[in-house]
Amino acid sequence: MARIGVLALQGDYETHAAALRRAGAEPREVRCAAQLDGLDGLVIPGGESTSMLRLMDFYGLMEPLRAFGARAPIFGTCAGAILLASEVLNPPQPSLALAD
């Protein structure tokens, strides 16, 4: 059974976890870098991207998420897709720079 994390800082992470469970995966809520260990993939849910950026920065998750994305798949919905973008222009903001 695949262990898929769901970034659980802000947004509808509970609905994503339920969908993963229905699909046969074992979802795990991720709120700190240590919780990325042992995961086969990660979902970054929708929400508000600037709020999520602030929380990711506060919890020191930016670099651990980039490193995780270099070795395992990350799927983003709405704000999660914005956070994965290689460049965010409107409004300009930092990102994980993991997807073109």
Protein backbone atom coordinates (compact mmCIF):
# COMPACT_ATOMS: atom_id res chain seq x y z
CA MET A 1 0.00 0.00 0.00
CA ALA A 2 1.44 3.38 -1.02
CA ARG A 3 2.00 5.89 1.77
CA ILE A 4 1.01 9.30 0.46
CA GLY A 5 1.40 12.41 2.55
CA VAL A 6 -1.00 15.32 2.47
CA LEU A 7 0.44 18.70 3.44
CA ALA A 8 -1.85 19.57 6.34
CA LEU A 9 -1.06 23.20 7.04
CA GLN A 10 -4.06 24.91 5.47
CA GLY A 11 -6.70 24.04 2.90
CA ASP A 12 -8.90 20.99 2.44
CA TYR A 13 -6.35 18.34 3.40
CA GLU A 14 -8.94 16.07 5.06
CA THR A 15 -10.85 15.65 1.78
CA HIS A 16 -7.63 14.79 -0.04
CA ALA A 17 -6.75 12.21 2.62
CA ALA A 18 -10.21 10.64 2.30
CA ALA A 19 -9.84 10.42 -1.51
CA LEU A 20 -6.44 8.76 -1.15
CA ARG A 21 -7.90 6.27 1.33
CA ARG A 22 -10.72 5.42 -1.12
CA ALA A 23 -8.10 4.88 -3.85
CA GLY A 24 -6.30 2.33 -1.69
CA ALA A 25 -3.43 4.46 -0.39
CA GLU A 26 -2.44 5.10 3.20
CA PRO A 27 -2.68 8.88 3.69
CA ARG A 28 -0.53 10.63 6.29
CA GLU A 29 -0.89 14.24 7.35
CA VAL A 30 2.36 16.20 7.02
CA ARG A 31 3.04 19.23 9.20
CA CYS A 32 6.81 18.97 9.70
CA ALA A 33 9.82 17.78 7.71
CA ALA A 34 10.27 14.55 9.69
CA GLN A 35 6.80 13.41 8.56
CA LEU A 36 8.06 13.22 4.95
CA ASP A 37 10.20 10.20 5.84
CA GLY A 38 8.88 6.94 4.45
CA LEU A 39 6.37 8.53 2.07
CA ASP A 40 5.96 7.40 -1.54
CA GLY A 41 4.44 10.71 -2.66
CA LEU A 42 2.80 13.88 -1.44
CA VAL A 43 -0.31 15.93 -2.20
CA ILE A 44 -0.35 19.69 -1.63
CA PRO A 45 -4.02 20.68 -1.42
CA GLY A 46 -5.74 23.83 -2.45
CA GLY A 47 -6.07 26.72 -0.04
CA GLU A 48 -4.49 30.14 -0.13
CA SER A 49 -0.96 30.04 -1.54
CA THR A 50 0.47 33.04 0.35
CA SER A 51 -0.85 31.67 3.66
CA MET A 52 0.60 28.28 2.85
CA LEU A 53 3.96 29.87 1.97
CA ARG A 54 4.06 31.67 5.30
CA LEU A 55 3.28 28.44 7.17
CA MET A 56 5.82 26.45 5.12
CA ASP A 57 8.44 29.08 5.94
CA PHE A 58 7.47 29.18 9.64
CA TYR A 59 7.75 25.37 9.95
CA GLY A 60 10.96 25.20 7.88
CA LEU A 61 9.38 23.12 5.12
CA MET A 62 10.55 24.85 1.94
CA GLU A 63 13.87 23.05 1.50
CA PRO A 64 12.64 19.67 2.80
CA LEU A 65 9.73 19.82 0.32
CA ARG A 66 12.09 20.70 -2.53
CA ALA A 67 14.34 17.78 -1.59
CA PHE A 68 11.34 15.44 -1.34
CA GLY A 69 10.12 16.58 -4.77
CA ALA A 70 13.51 15.70 -6.26
CA ARG A 71 13.05 12.05 -5.26
CA ALA A 72 9.30 11.43 -5.16
CA PRO A 73 6.16 12.70 -6.93
CA ILE A 74 4.19 15.65 -5.60
CA PHE A 75 0.68 16.45 -6.83
CA GLY A 76 -0.81 19.88 -6.23
CA THR A 77 -4.38 21.06 -6.56
CA CYS A 78 -5.18 24.77 -6.95
CA ALA A 79 -2.85 26.56 -4.49
CA GLY A 80 -0.76 23.38 -4.34
CA ALA A 81 -0.14 23.63 -8.09
CA ILE A 82 0.84 27.28 -7.68
CA LEU A 83 3.32 26.33 -4.95
CA LEU A 84 4.87 23.69 -7.23
CA ALA A 85 5.35 26.10 -10.15
CA SER A 86 8.84 26.93 -11.35
CA GLU A 87 7.86 30.61 -11.37
CA VAL A 88 4.87 32.53 -10.01
CA LEU A 89 4.33 35.89 -11.70
CA ASN A 90 0.92 37.25 -10.72
CA PRO A 91 1.42 38.14 -7.96
CA PRO A 92 5.14 37.37 -7.81
CA GLN A 93 5.89 35.03 -4.94
CA PRO A 94 8.34 32.31 -3.97
CA SER A 95 7.59 28.72 -4.93
CA LEU A 96 9.03 25.23 -4.67
CA ALA A 97 10.10 25.43 -8.34
CA LEU A 98 9.38 21.74 -8.96
CA ALA A 99 7.08 21.93 -11.99
CA ASP A 100 7.21 23.92 -15.24
